[in-house]
Amino acid sequence: MRHITPADLQAFEKVYRLNLINALPGYKPTNLIGTADAEGFTNLAIFSSVIHLGSAPAVLGIVTRPTTVPRHTYQNLKTTGCFTINHVHASFVGQAHYTSADFDADQSEFEQCHFTPEFRDDFPAPYVGESKISIGLRLKEELPIHNGTVLIVGTVEHIYLPENVLLPDGTLDLPAVDDVCVSGLDTYYRASSVGAFAYARPGQGPQVKTAPASKE
């Protein structure tokens, strides 16, 4: 088994180190973050850092890169206080990846990458019309991290998804919409279920989860 130390990491070529560290967490969720400025000009960016922070109240987070250079997503959500999280599906994964290009501030990734901005229910941040699962969030707080990144904490105000994706127990059938995940910075995968297990209790061992009763 290979052992990599901090000294080894420091000695690695920059891109090699970047690829390695980004791949260490394994598969990560892939989402498009939609924002708009005060005038309604839209921005869209791919993120692999969306995390669950709590369910009551419903709170999700994203991690933004250091603001040593202009970060349009960060600037917009600070201005309007709102952003959207939109799932990425296999049918448009290339377009989603292309949003990571360094577009100028006056170039909307919605237009440049051929996505449809949709404003719903008077929410000031745009959703991705092509995404089957979208969430509207309001900025609650931001937590600076020592390396210059920022954890953005948002409360969930809107959820949009197809009826057939929402299962009777509240979980989501992500393969039904061909969701993708990412490893590293640029390699995308489809995910498939390998099993579901009941709430774990000491002394019982792993218990296979029984299928929930139908809604009908």
Protein backbone atom coordinates (compact mmCIF):
# COMPACT_ATOMS: atom_id res chain seq x y z
CA MET A 1 0.00 0.00 0.00
CA ARG A 2 1.40 3.37 -0.95
CA HIS A 3 1.86 5.93 1.81
CA ILE A 4 1.65 9.60 0.77
CA THR A 5 2.89 12.19 3.26
CA PRO A 6 2.48 15.99 3.40
CA ALA A 7 6.04 16.26 2.05
CA ASP A 8 5.05 14.08 -0.91
CA LEU A 9 2.01 16.25 -1.58
CA GLN A 10 4.11 19.38 -1.56
CA ALA A 11 6.54 17.82 -4.04
CA PHE A 12 3.86 16.73 -6.51
CA GLU A 13 3.32 18.70 -9.70
CA LYS A 14 0.48 21.22 -9.18
CA VAL A 15 -2.16 19.68 -11.45
CA TYR A 16 -1.36 16.16 -10.23
CA ARG A 17 -1.80 17.31 -6.62
CA LEU A 18 -5.02 19.13 -7.52
CA ASN A 19 -6.46 16.02 -9.15
CA LEU A 20 -5.43 13.76 -6.28
CA ILE A 21 -6.84 15.87 -3.45
CA ASN A 22 -10.09 16.51 -5.30
CA ALA A 23 -10.51 12.76 -5.86
CA LEU A 24 -9.89 11.80 -2.21
CA PRO A 25 -13.50 12.26 -0.98
CA GLY A 26 -14.72 9.75 -3.59
CA TYR A 27 -17.95 10.35 -5.49
CA LYS A 28 -19.46 13.77 -4.85
CA PRO A 29 -22.84 15.27 -5.77
CA THR A 30 -22.92 17.37 -8.94
CA ASN A 31 -25.11 20.46 -8.95
CA LEU A 32 -25.55 23.71 -10.82
CA ILE A 33 -25.83 26.79 -8.60
CA GLY A 34 -28.04 29.50 -10.05
CA THR A 35 -27.84 33.14 -8.98
CA ALA A 36 -28.72 36.58 -10.29
CA ASP A 37 -27.48 40.07 -9.53
CA ALA A 38 -29.63 42.98 -8.40
CA GLU A 39 -30.66 43.70 -11.99
CA GLY A 40 -31.64 40.09 -12.65
CA PHE A 41 -28.60 39.20 -14.79
CA THR A 42 -28.09 35.46 -14.36
CA ASN A 43 -25.09 33.32 -13.46
CA LEU A 44 -24.68 29.55 -13.35
CA ALA A 45 -21.81 27.49 -11.95
CA ILE A 46 -21.14 23.79 -11.35
CA PHE A 47 -20.40 22.80 -7.74
CA SER A 48 -19.43 19.47 -6.17
CA SER A 49 -19.53 20.74 -2.58
CA VAL A 50 -23.24 20.70 -1.71
CA ILE A 51 -23.72 19.21 1.77
CA HIS A 52 -26.65 18.43 4.07
CA LEU A 53 -26.45 20.42 7.32
CA GLY A 54 -29.81 19.76 8.95
CA SER A 55 -33.40 18.69 8.37
CA ALA A 56 -35.42 20.69 10.91
CA PRO A 57 -35.10 23.38 9.73
CA ALA A 58 -34.01 22.20 6.30
CA VAL A 59 -30.49 23.55 5.76
CA LEU A 60 -27.98 22.87 3.00
CA GLY A 61 -24.52 24.28 2.38
CA ILE A 62 -22.09 24.92 -0.44
CA VAL A 63 -18.41 25.76 -0.25
CA THR A 64 -17.16 28.59 -2.43
CA ARG A 65 -13.58 29.02 -3.54
CA PRO A 66 -11.42 31.86 -2.13
CA THR A 67 -12.62 35.33 -3.09
CA THR A 68 -9.13 36.56 -4.00
CA VAL A 69 -10.54 36.91 -7.53
CA PRO A 70 -14.13 37.82 -8.49
CA ARG A 71 -16.57 35.01 -7.72
CA HIS A 72 -19.83 35.78 -9.48
CA THR A 73 -21.87 33.16 -7.60
CA TYR A 74 -20.70 34.47 -4.23
CA GLN A 75 -21.20 38.11 -5.19
CA ASN A 76 -24.72 37.48 -6.48
CA LEU A 77 -25.98 35.45 -3.54
CA LYS A 78 -24.57 38.07 -1.17
CA THR A 79 -26.44 40.76 -3.13
CA THR A 80 -29.84 39.07 -3.37
CA GLY A 81 -29.56 36.62 -0.45
CA CYS A 82 -30.82 33.75 -2.61
CA PHE A 83 -29.49 30.90 -4.75
CA THR A 84 -30.72 27.69 -6.34
CA ILE A 85 -29.30 24.17 -6.37
CA ASN A 86 -30.11 22.16 -9.51
CA HIS A 87 -29.27 18.49 -10.04
CA VAL A 88 -27.17 17.53 -13.06
CA HIS A 89 -28.39 14.69 -15.29
CA ALA A 90 -26.46 12.64 -17.83
CA SER A 91 -28.27 14.27 -20.76
CA PHE A 92 -26.54 17.61 -20.16
CA VAL A 93 -23.40 16.76 -18.17
CA GLY A 94 -21.10 18.29 -20.81
CA GLN A 95 -22.99 21.58 -20.77
CA ALA A 96 -22.90 21.57 -16.97
CA HIS A 97 -19.14 21.03 -16.91
CA TYR A 98 -18.69 23.89 -19.38
CA THR A 99 -20.10 26.35 -16.81
CA SER A 100 -16.74 26.03 -15.02
CA ALA A 101 -15.10 28.05 -17.82
CA ASP A 102 -13.92 31.52 -16.82
CA PHE A 103 -16.67 33.53 -18.49
CA ASP A 104 -16.70 37.31 -18.14
CA ALA A 105 -19.16 38.88 -15.71
CA ASP A 106 -21.33 40.11 -18.60
CA GLN A 107 -21.63 36.60 -20.09
CA SER A 108 -24.36 34.48 -18.54
CA GLU A 109 -23.52 30.79 -18.36
CA PHE A 110 -27.19 30.08 -18.98
CA GLU A 111 -26.79 31.54 -22.45
CA GLN A 112 -23.22 30.42 -23.12
CA CYS A 113 -23.88 26.81 -22.04
CA HIS A 114 -27.42 26.58 -23.46
CA PHE A 115 -29.49 26.29 -20.30
CA THR A 116 -32.92 27.79 -19.67
CA PRO A 117 -33.21 30.20 -16.72
CA GLU A 118 -36.55 29.92 -14.96
CA PHE A 119 -37.79 32.26 -12.23
CA ARG A 120 -40.51 30.64 -10.14
CA ASP A 121 -42.83 31.81 -7.37
CA ASP A 122 -41.29 35.29 -7.10
CA PHE A 123 -37.92 33.87 -6.07
CA PRO A 124 -35.02 36.15 -7.17
CA ALA A 125 -32.59 33.39 -8.17
CA PRO A 126 -32.99 31.40 -11.42
CA TYR A 127 -33.59 27.66 -11.64
CA VAL A 128 -32.25 25.48 -14.45
CA GLY A 129 -35.22 24.56 -16.62
CA GLU A 130 -33.55 21.34 -17.76
CA SER A 131 -32.99 20.05 -14.22
CA LYS A 132 -35.60 17.65 -12.81
CA ILE A 133 -34.72 18.39 -9.17
CA SER A 134 -34.24 21.99 -8.04
CA ILE A 135 -34.07 23.72 -4.66
CA GLY A 136 -34.43 27.41 -3.80
CA LEU A 137 -32.47 28.58 -0.78
CA ARG A 138 -32.07 31.79 1.19
CA LEU A 139 -28.69 32.73 2.61
CA LYS A 140 -28.62 32.21 6.38
CA GLU A 141 -24.95 32.66 7.23
CA GLU A 142 -21.45 32.34 5.82
CA LEU A 143 -18.59 30.73 7.68
CA PRO A 144 -15.03 31.57 6.58
CA ILE A 145 -12.57 28.67 6.51
CA HIS A 146 -8.86 29.09 7.21
CA ASN A 147 -7.81 28.42 3.59
CA GLY A 148 -9.91 31.26 2.19
CA THR A 149 -12.93 29.20 1.17
CA VAL A 150 -16.35 30.04 2.58
CA LEU A 151 -19.14 27.72 3.73
CA ILE A 152 -22.43 29.21 2.56
CA VAL A 153 -25.38 28.06 4.67
CA GLY A 154 -28.84 28.31 3.12
CA THR A 155 -32.31 27.50 4.38
CA VAL A 156 -34.53 25.57 1.98
CA GLU A 157 -37.57 27.56 0.82
CA HIS A 158 -38.63 25.74 -2.37
CA ILE A 159 -38.28 22.19 -3.72
CA TYR A 160 -39.33 21.13 -7.22
CA LEU A 161 -39.20 17.52 -8.39
CA PRO A 162 -41.26 14.96 -10.35
CA GLU A 163 -43.83 12.94 -8.42
CA ASN A 164 -42.26 9.64 -9.51
CA VAL A 165 -38.88 10.62 -8.01
CA LEU A 166 -40.29 11.17 -4.50
CA LEU A 167 -40.62 7.73 -2.91
CA PRO A 168 -43.21 6.89 -0.21
CA ASP A 169 -40.62 7.04 2.59
CA GLY A 170 -39.34 10.47 1.53
CA THR A 171 -36.18 9.27 -0.21
CA LEU A 172 -35.45 10.10 -3.84
CA ASP A 173 -35.16 7.73 -6.79
CA LEU A 174 -32.18 9.48 -8.37
CA PRO A 175 -31.54 6.89 -11.11
CA ALA A 176 -35.05 7.65 -12.38
CA VAL A 177 -33.80 11.06 -13.55
CA ASP A 178 -30.32 9.82 -14.55
CA ASP A 179 -28.53 11.87 -11.90
CA VAL A 180 -24.75 12.02 -12.14
CA CYS A 181 -21.99 12.39 -9.57
CA VAL A 182 -18.35 13.40 -9.99
CA SER A 183 -14.94 12.15 -8.91
CA GLY A 184 -12.14 14.69 -8.89
CA LEU A 185 -12.73 17.72 -11.08
CA ASP A 186 -13.88 16.38 -14.42
CA THR A 187 -14.96 12.71 -14.42
CA TYR A 188 -18.68 12.05 -14.11
CA TYR A 189 -20.52 8.83 -13.22
CA ARG A 190 -23.97 7.37 -13.03
CA ALA A 191 -24.85 5.91 -9.63
CA SER A 192 -26.86 2.73 -9.00
CA SER A 193 -28.23 1.35 -5.76
CA VAL A 194 -26.34 -1.48 -4.03
CA GLY A 195 -28.79 -1.83 -1.14
CA ALA A 196 -30.90 0.00 1.44
CA PHE A 197 -30.74 -0.66 5.17
CA ALA A 198 -33.00 0.10 8.12
CA TYR A 199 -32.07 2.47 10.94
CA ALA A 200 -29.10 0.87 12.71
CA ARG A 201 -29.52 -0.26 16.32
CA PRO A 202 -26.90 -1.94 18.54
CA GLY A 203 -27.15 -5.72 18.79
CA GLN A 204 -29.21 -6.18 15.63
CA GLY A 205 -26.59 -6.14 12.92
CA PRO A 206 -27.37 -4.61 9.54
CA GLN A 207 -31.03 -4.99 8.63
CA VAL A 208 -32.17 -4.79 5.03
CA LYS A 209 -34.71 -2.01 4.63
CA THR A 210 -38.17 -3.18 3.65
CA ALA A 211 -39.89 -1.43 0.78
CA PRO A 212 -42.31 1.27 1.95
CA ALA A 213 -45.98 0.87 1.33
CA SER A 214 -47.34 2.38 -1.86
CA LYS A 215 -48.99 5.80 -1.72
CA GLU A 216 -52.10 4.30 -3.29
